[in-house]
Amino acid sequence: MMKRLAYSRGRCQLQYWLDQRGYTQAQFAQLIGWSERMVSFWCKNQRLMSVDAMYNASRILKIKMEDLYRWDLIVQ
């Protein structure tokens, strides 16, 4: 039987990228159009970023969407 490979979102890497690009959470919140509280939730891994938020963040930070999270391989 063939094993199925899938990926699951792991820890959010947004704070790492904000630090790399020199943005505070408040500055980033203004750029992306979300509240500082929501950006903080993302950075603390307390809420998942929506696809729209991930896309906009990747454009602002000049990274690939998948770079916003660690991705865990799941073999089934």
PDB file of N, CA and C in Angstrom:
ATOM      1  N   MET A   1       0.838  -1.183   0.000  1.00  0.00           N
ATOM      2  CA  MET A   1       0.000   0.000   0.000  1.00  0.00           C
ATOM      3  C   MET A   1       0.889   1.256   0.000  1.00  0.00           C
ATOM      4  N   MET A   2       0.496   2.218  -0.773  1.00  0.00           N
ATOM      5  CA  MET A   2       1.247   3.454  -0.899  1.00  0.00           C
ATOM      6  C   MET A   2       1.025   4.370   0.305  1.00  0.00           C
ATOM      7  N   LYS A   3       2.099   4.974   0.785  1.00  0.00           N
ATOM      8  CA  LYS A   3       1.973   5.910   1.892  1.00  0.00           C
ATOM      9  C   LYS A   3       1.565   7.277   1.367  1.00  0.00           C
ATOM     10  N   ARG A   4       0.705   7.922   2.115  1.00  0.00           N
ATOM     11  CA  ARG A   4       0.234   9.257   1.743  1.00  0.00           C
ATOM     12  C   ARG A   4       1.070  10.291   2.481  1.00  0.00           C
ATOM     13  N   LEU A   5       1.561  11.271   1.748  1.00  0.00           N
ATOM     14  CA  LEU A   5       2.331  12.357   2.341  1.00  0.00           C
ATOM     15  C   LEU A   5       1.470  13.606   2.386  1.00  0.00           C
ATOM     16  N   ALA A   6       1.466  14.252   3.513  1.00  0.00           N
ATOM     17  CA  ALA A   6       0.712  15.490   3.666  1.00  0.00           C
ATOM     18  C   ALA A   6       1.510  16.419   4.567  1.00  0.00           C
ATOM     19  N   TYR A   7       1.212  17.685   4.487  1.00  0.00           N
ATOM     20  CA  TYR A   7       1.875  18.674   5.326  1.00  0.00           C
ATOM     21  C   TYR A   7       0.843  19.378   6.186  1.00  0.00           C
ATOM     22  N   SER A   8       1.251  19.693   7.402  1.00  0.00           N
ATOM     23  CA  SER A   8       0.400  20.399   8.347  1.00  0.00           C
ATOM     24  C   SER A   8       1.126  21.655   8.809  1.00  0.00           C
ATOM     25  N   ARG A   9       0.358  22.742   8.956  1.00  0.00           N
ATOM     26  CA  ARG A   9       0.952  23.994   9.422  1.00  0.00           C
ATOM     27  C   ARG A   9       1.494  23.830  10.829  1.00  0.00           C
ATOM     28  N   GLY A  10       2.729  24.197  11.001  1.00  0.00           N
ATOM     29  CA  GLY A  10       3.341  24.184  12.327  1.00  0.00           C
ATOM     30  C   GLY A  10       3.350  25.594  12.906  1.00  0.00           C
ATOM     31  N   ARG A  11       4.435  25.964  13.505  1.00  0.00           N
ATOM     32  CA  ARG A  11       4.568  27.251  14.191  1.00  0.00           C
ATOM     33  C   ARG A  11       4.669  28.404  13.197  1.00  0.00           C
ATOM     34  N   CYS A  12       4.002  29.500  13.534  1.00  0.00           N
ATOM     35  CA  CYS A  12       4.042  30.711  12.707  1.00  0.00           C
ATOM     36  C   CYS A  12       5.419  31.365  12.805  1.00  0.00           C
ATOM     37  N   GLN A  13       5.932  31.790  11.675  1.00  0.00           N
ATOM     38  CA  GLN A  13       7.252  32.419  11.593  1.00  0.00           C
ATOM     39  C   GLN A  13       7.168  33.933  11.348  1.00  0.00           C
ATOM     40  N   LEU A  14       5.983  34.505  11.528  1.00  0.00           N
ATOM     41  CA  LEU A  14       5.796  35.928  11.226  1.00  0.00           C
ATOM     42  C   LEU A  14       6.736  36.815  12.027  1.00  0.00           C
ATOM     43  N   GLN A  15       6.872  36.575  13.337  1.00  0.00           N
ATOM     44  CA  GLN A  15       7.746  37.445  14.138  1.00  0.00           C
ATOM     45  C   GLN A  15       9.184  37.400  13.626  1.00  0.00           C
ATOM     46  N   TYR A  16       9.643  36.231  13.232  1.00  0.00           N
ATOM     47  CA  TYR A  16      10.987  36.107  12.651  1.00  0.00           C
ATOM     48  C   TYR A  16      11.127  37.025  11.442  1.00  0.00           C
ATOM     49  N   TRP A  17      10.142  37.000  10.536  1.00  0.00           N
ATOM     50  CA  TRP A  17      10.218  37.808   9.320  1.00  0.00           C
ATOM     51  C   TRP A  17      10.072  39.298   9.617  1.00  0.00           C
ATOM     52  N   LEU A  18       9.256  39.647  10.590  1.00  0.00           N
ATOM     53  CA  LEU A  18       9.160  41.059  10.978  1.00  0.00           C
ATOM     54  C   LEU A  18      10.513  41.547  11.487  1.00  0.00           C
ATOM     55  N   ASP A  19      11.164  40.742  12.313  1.00  0.00           N
ATOM     56  CA  ASP A  19      12.498  41.101  12.821  1.00  0.00           C
ATOM     57  C   ASP A  19      13.502  41.223  11.684  1.00  0.00           C
ATOM     58  N   GLN A  20      13.458  40.293  10.729  1.00  0.00           N
ATOM     59  CA  GLN A  20      14.383  40.311   9.594  1.00  0.00           C
ATOM     60  C   GLN A  20      14.203  41.556   8.727  1.00  0.00           C
ATOM     61  N   ARG A  21      12.967  42.014   8.606  1.00  0.00           N
ATOM     62  CA  ARG A  21      12.662  43.163   7.743  1.00  0.00           C
ATOM     63  C   ARG A  21      12.624  44.495   8.504  1.00  0.00           C
ATOM     64  N   GLY A  22      12.786  44.433   9.821  1.00  0.00           N
ATOM     65  CA  GLY A  22      12.848  45.659  10.618  1.00  0.00           C
ATOM     66  C   GLY A  22      11.504  46.310  10.909  1.00  0.00           C
ATOM     67  N   TYR A  23      10.440  45.524  10.898  1.00  0.00           N
ATOM     68  CA  TYR A  23       9.102  46.039  11.201  1.00  0.00           C
ATOM     69  C   TYR A  23       8.713  45.700  12.635  1.00  0.00           C
ATOM     70  N   THR A  24       8.031  46.628  13.287  1.00  0.00           N
ATOM     71  CA  THR A  24       7.374  46.296  14.542  1.00  0.00           C
ATOM     72  C   THR A  24       6.027  45.673  14.193  1.00  0.00           C
ATOM     73  N   GLN A  25       5.407  45.046  15.178  1.00  0.00           N
ATOM     74  CA  GLN A  25       4.074  44.508  14.944  1.00  0.00           C
ATOM     75  C   GLN A  25       3.088  45.624  14.600  1.00  0.00           C
ATOM     76  N   ALA A  26       3.235  46.775  15.256  1.00  0.00           N
ATOM     77  CA  ALA A  26       2.340  47.919  15.002  1.00  0.00           C
ATOM     78  C   ALA A  26       2.506  48.435  13.571  1.00  0.00           C
ATOM     79  N   GLN A  27       3.732  48.560  13.104  1.00  0.00           N
ATOM     80  CA  GLN A  27       3.981  49.022  11.728  1.00  0.00           C
ATOM     81  C   GLN A  27       3.402  48.042  10.726  1.00  0.00           C
ATOM     82  N   PHE A  28       3.631  46.764  10.982  1.00  0.00           N
ATOM     83  CA  PHE A  28       3.127  45.734  10.076  1.00  0.00           C
ATOM     84  C   PHE A  28       1.605  45.729  10.046  1.00  0.00           C
ATOM     85  N   ALA A  29       0.980  45.888  11.219  1.00  0.00           N
ATOM     86  CA  ALA A  29      -0.485  45.922  11.297  1.00  0.00           C
ATOM     87  C   ALA A  29      -1.048  47.031  10.411  1.00  0.00           C
ATOM     88  N   GLN A  30      -0.415  48.181  10.409  1.00  0.00           N
ATOM     89  CA  GLN A  30      -0.871  49.283   9.550  1.00  0.00           C
ATOM     90  C   GLN A  30      -0.705  48.932   8.082  1.00  0.00           C
ATOM     91  N   LEU A  31       0.407  48.312   7.740  1.00  0.00           N
ATOM     92  CA  LEU A  31       0.657  47.952   6.339  1.00  0.00           C
ATOM     93  C   LEU A  31      -0.323  46.899   5.826  1.00  0.00           C
ATOM     94  N   ILE A  32      -0.637  45.922   6.671  1.00  0.00           N
ATOM     95  CA  ILE A  32      -1.472  44.808   6.217  1.00  0.00           C
ATOM     96  C   ILE A  32      -2.966  45.089   6.406  1.00  0.00           C
ATOM     97  N   GLY A  33      -3.293  46.076   7.249  1.00  0.00           N
ATOM     98  CA  GLY A  33      -4.698  46.429   7.435  1.00  0.00           C
ATOM     99  C   GLY A  33      -5.436  45.573   8.454  1.00  0.00           C
ATOM    100  N   TRP A  34      -4.715  44.922   9.324  1.00  0.00           N
ATOM    101  CA  TRP A  34      -5.292  44.143  10.419  1.00  0.00           C
ATOM    102  C   TRP A  34      -4.926  44.834  11.725  1.00  0.00           C
ATOM    103  N   SER A  35      -5.612  44.492  12.796  1.00  0.00           N
ATOM    104  CA  SER A  35      -5.331  45.113  14.097  1.00  0.00           C
ATOM    105  C   SER A  35      -3.994  44.620  14.659  1.00  0.00           C
ATOM    106  N   GLU A  36      -3.414  45.443  15.528  1.00  0.00           N
ATOM    107  CA  GLU A  36      -2.180  45.037  16.207  1.00  0.00           C
ATOM    108  C   GLU A  36      -2.425  43.775  17.028  1.00  0.00           C
ATOM    109  N   ARG A  37      -3.604  43.681  17.601  1.00  0.00           N
ATOM    110  CA  ARG A  37      -3.948  42.511  18.414  1.00  0.00           C
ATOM    111  C   ARG A  37      -3.911  41.232  17.579  1.00  0.00           C
ATOM    112  N   MET A  38      -4.471  41.293  16.358  1.00  0.00           N
ATOM    113  CA  MET A  38      -4.473  40.102  15.506  1.00  0.00           C
ATOM    114  C   MET A  38      -3.046  39.747  15.086  1.00  0.00           C
ATOM    115  N   VAL A  39      -2.249  40.744  14.752  1.00  0.00           N
ATOM    116  CA  VAL A  39      -0.847  40.478  14.387  1.00  0.00           C
ATOM    117  C   VAL A  39      -0.132  39.825  15.564  1.00  0.00           C
ATOM    118  N   SER A  40      -0.393  40.299  16.762  1.00  0.00           N
ATOM    119  CA  SER A  40       0.194  39.707  17.959  1.00  0.00           C
ATOM    120  C   SER A  40      -0.250  38.253  18.124  1.00  0.00           C
ATOM    121  N   PHE A  41      -1.537  37.978  17.899  1.00  0.00           N
ATOM    122  CA  PHE A  41      -2.034  36.594  17.964  1.00  0.00           C
ATOM    123  C   PHE A  41      -1.282  35.706  16.977  1.00  0.00           C
ATOM    124  N   TRP A  42      -1.085  36.198  15.763  1.00  0.00           N
ATOM    125  CA  TRP A  42      -0.356  35.408  14.766  1.00  0.00           C
ATOM    126  C   TRP A  42       1.070  35.135  15.225  1.00  0.00           C
ATOM    127  N   CYS A  43       1.734  36.199  15.696  1.00  0.00           N
ATOM    128  CA  CYS A  43       3.142  36.070  16.106  1.00  0.00           C
ATOM    129  C   CYS A  43       3.315  35.116  17.283  1.00  0.00           C
ATOM    130  N   LYS A  44       2.327  35.057  18.153  1.00  0.00           N
ATOM    131  CA  LYS A  44       2.382  34.165  19.323  1.00  0.00           C
ATOM    132  C   LYS A  44       1.813  32.778  19.025  1.00  0.00           C
ATOM    133  N   ASN A  45       1.412  32.570  17.780  1.00  0.00           N
ATOM    134  CA  ASN A  45       0.852  31.291  17.352  1.00  0.00           C
ATOM    135  C   ASN A  45      -0.468  30.973  18.070  1.00  0.00           C
ATOM    136  N   GLN A  46      -1.220  32.015  18.396  1.00  0.00           N
ATOM    137  CA  GLN A  46      -2.510  31.837  19.064  1.00  0.00           C
ATOM    138  C   GLN A  46      -3.678  31.794  18.085  1.00  0.00           C
ATOM    139  N   ARG A  47      -3.465  32.260  16.866  1.00  0.00           N
ATOM    140  CA  ARG A  47      -4.477  32.204  15.808  1.00  0.00           C
ATOM    141  C   ARG A  47      -3.754  31.890  14.499  1.00  0.00           C
ATOM    142  N   LEU A  48      -4.440  31.184  13.611  1.00  0.00           N
ATOM    143  CA  LEU A  48      -3.879  30.905  12.289  1.00  0.00           C
ATOM    144  C   LEU A  48      -4.147  32.076  11.360  1.00  0.00           C
ATOM    145  N   MET A  49      -3.192  32.386  10.520  1.00  0.00           N
ATOM    146  CA  MET A  49      -3.392  33.415   9.503  1.00  0.00           C
ATOM    147  C   MET A  49      -4.305  32.863   8.416  1.00  0.00           C
ATOM    148  N   SER A  50      -5.223  33.693   7.933  1.00  0.00           N
ATOM    149  CA  SER A  50      -6.057  33.296   6.797  1.00  0.00           C
ATOM    150  C   SER A  50      -5.192  33.278   5.540  1.00  0.00           C
ATOM    151  N   VAL A  51      -5.694  32.657   4.509  1.00  0.00           N
ATOM    152  CA  VAL A  51      -4.968  32.633   3.236  1.00  0.00           C
ATOM    153  C   VAL A  51      -4.767  34.063   2.726  1.00  0.00           C
ATOM    154  N   ASP A  52      -5.795  34.901   2.841  1.00  0.00           N
ATOM    155  CA  ASP A  52      -5.671  36.292   2.401  1.00  0.00           C
ATOM    156  C   ASP A  52      -4.578  37.020   3.184  1.00  0.00           C
ATOM    157  N   ALA A  53      -4.554  36.832   4.495  1.00  0.00           N
ATOM    158  CA  ALA A  53      -3.539  37.481   5.332  1.00  0.00           C
ATOM    159  C   ALA A  53      -2.147  36.966   4.974  1.00  0.00           C
ATOM    160  N   MET A  54      -2.037  35.658   4.747  1.00  0.00           N
ATOM    161  CA  MET A  54      -0.739  35.091   4.369  1.00  0.00           C
ATOM    162  C   MET A  54      -0.258  35.663   3.038  1.00  0.00           C
ATOM    163  N   TYR A  55      -1.167  35.775   2.083  1.00  0.00           N
ATOM    164  CA  TYR A  55      -0.782  36.301   0.772  1.00  0.00           C
ATOM    165  C   TYR A  55      -0.306  37.752   0.902  1.00  0.00           C
ATOM    166  N   ASN A  56      -1.094  38.575   1.593  1.00  0.00           N
ATOM    167  CA  ASN A  56      -0.717  39.978   1.755  1.00  0.00           C
ATOM    168  C   ASN A  56       0.588  40.124   2.533  1.00  0.00           C
ATOM    169  N   ALA A  57       0.754  39.342   3.586  1.00  0.00           N
ATOM    170  CA  ALA A  57       1.992  39.392   4.365  1.00  0.00           C
ATOM    171  C   ALA A  57       3.185  39.001   3.510  1.00  0.00           C
ATOM    172  N   SER A  58       3.027  37.966   2.699  1.00  0.00           N
ATOM    173  CA  SER A  58       4.144  37.525   1.853  1.00  0.00           C
ATOM    174  C   SER A  58       4.546  38.603   0.854  1.00  0.00           C
ATOM    175  N   ARG A  59       3.571  39.341   0.345  1.00  0.00           N
ATOM    176  CA  ARG A  59       3.874  40.427  -0.595  1.00  0.00           C
ATOM    177  C   ARG A  59       4.609  41.573   0.110  1.00  0.00           C
ATOM    178  N   ILE A  60       4.138  41.932   1.295  1.00  0.00           N
ATOM    179  CA  ILE A  60       4.754  43.017   2.062  1.00  0.00           C
ATOM    180  C   ILE A  60       6.181  42.643   2.470  1.00  0.00           C
ATOM    181  N   LEU A  61       6.358  41.409   2.930  1.00  0.00           N
ATOM    182  CA  LEU A  61       7.662  40.969   3.442  1.00  0.00           C
ATOM    183  C   LEU A  61       8.591  40.433   2.354  1.00  0.00           C
ATOM    184  N   LYS A  62       8.054  40.314   1.132  1.00  0.00           N
ATOM    185  CA  LYS A  62       8.841  39.807  -0.014  1.00  0.00           C
ATOM    186  C   LYS A  62       9.380  38.392   0.254  1.00  0.00           C
ATOM    187  N   ILE A  63       8.452  37.524   0.651  1.00  0.00           N
ATOM    188  CA  ILE A  63       8.780  36.119   0.892  1.00  0.00           C
ATOM    189  C   ILE A  63       7.688  35.260   0.251  1.00  0.00           C
ATOM    190  N   LYS A  64       7.880  33.953   0.257  1.00  0.00           N
ATOM    191  CA  LYS A  64       6.844  33.038  -0.222  1.00  0.00           C
ATOM    192  C   LYS A  64       5.841  32.804   0.903  1.00  0.00           C
ATOM    193  N   MET A  65       4.591  32.584   0.539  1.00  0.00           N
ATOM    194  CA  MET A  65       3.556  32.336   1.554  1.00  0.00           C
ATOM    195  C   MET A  65       3.953  31.214   2.505  1.00  0.00           C
ATOM    196  N   GLU A  66       4.513  30.158   1.972  1.00  0.00           N
ATOM    197  CA  GLU A  66       4.839  29.007   2.816  1.00  0.00           C
ATOM    198  C   GLU A  66       5.939  29.305   3.835  1.00  0.00           C
ATOM    199  N   ASP A  67       6.672  30.411   3.630  1.00  0.00           N
ATOM    200  CA  ASP A  67       7.714  30.800   4.588  1.00  0.00           C
ATOM    201  C   ASP A  67       7.139  31.368   5.881  1.00  0.00           C
ATOM    202  N   LEU A  68       5.843  31.651   5.904  1.00  0.00           N
ATOM    203  CA  LEU A  68       5.223  32.224   7.102  1.00  0.00           C
ATOM    204  C   LEU A  68       4.974  31.188   8.197  1.00  0.00           C
ATOM    205  N   TYR A  69       5.067  29.906   7.858  1.00  0.00           N
ATOM    206  CA  TYR A  69       4.871  28.836   8.835  1.00  0.00           C
ATOM    207  C   TYR A  69       5.936  27.769   8.648  1.00  0.00           C
ATOM    208  N   ARG A  70       6.209  27.053   9.721  1.00  0.00           N
ATOM    209  CA  ARG A  70       6.961  25.803   9.592  1.00  0.00           C
ATOM    210  C   ARG A  70       5.939  24.766   9.145  1.00  0.00           C
ATOM    211  N   TRP A  71       6.343  23.854   8.316  1.00  0.00           N
ATOM    212  CA  TRP A  71       5.433  22.839   7.786  1.00  0.00           C
ATOM    213  C   TRP A  71       5.911  21.472   8.225  1.00  0.00           C
ATOM    214  N   ASP A  72       5.018  20.743   8.883  1.00  0.00           N
ATOM    215  CA  ASP A  72       5.325  19.417   9.399  1.00  0.00           C
ATOM    216  C   ASP A  72       4.852  18.345   8.429  1.00  0.00           C
ATOM    217  N   LEU A  73       5.741  17.447   8.070  1.00  0.00           N
ATOM    218  CA  LEU A  73       5.401  16.341   7.180  1.00  0.00           C
ATOM    219  C   LEU A  73       4.671  15.254   7.960  1.00  0.00           C
ATOM    220  N   ILE A  74       3.552  14.830   7.413  1.00  0.00           N
ATOM    221  CA  ILE A  74       2.767  13.753   8.035  1.00  0.00           C
ATOM    222  C   ILE A  74       2.703  12.614   7.029  1.00  0.00           C
ATOM    223  N   VAL A  75       3.174  11.459   7.438  1.00  0.00           N
ATOM    224  CA  VAL A  75       3.128  10.265   6.583  1.00  0.00           C
ATOM    225  C   VAL A  75       2.017   9.383   7.115  1.00  0.00           C
ATOM    226  N   GLN A  76       1.099   9.022   6.215  1.00  0.00           N
ATOM    227  CA  GLN A  76      -0.057   8.198   6.628  1.00  0.00           C
ATOM    228  C   GLN A  76      -0.066   6.906   5.860  1.00  0.00           C
TER     229      GLN A  76
END
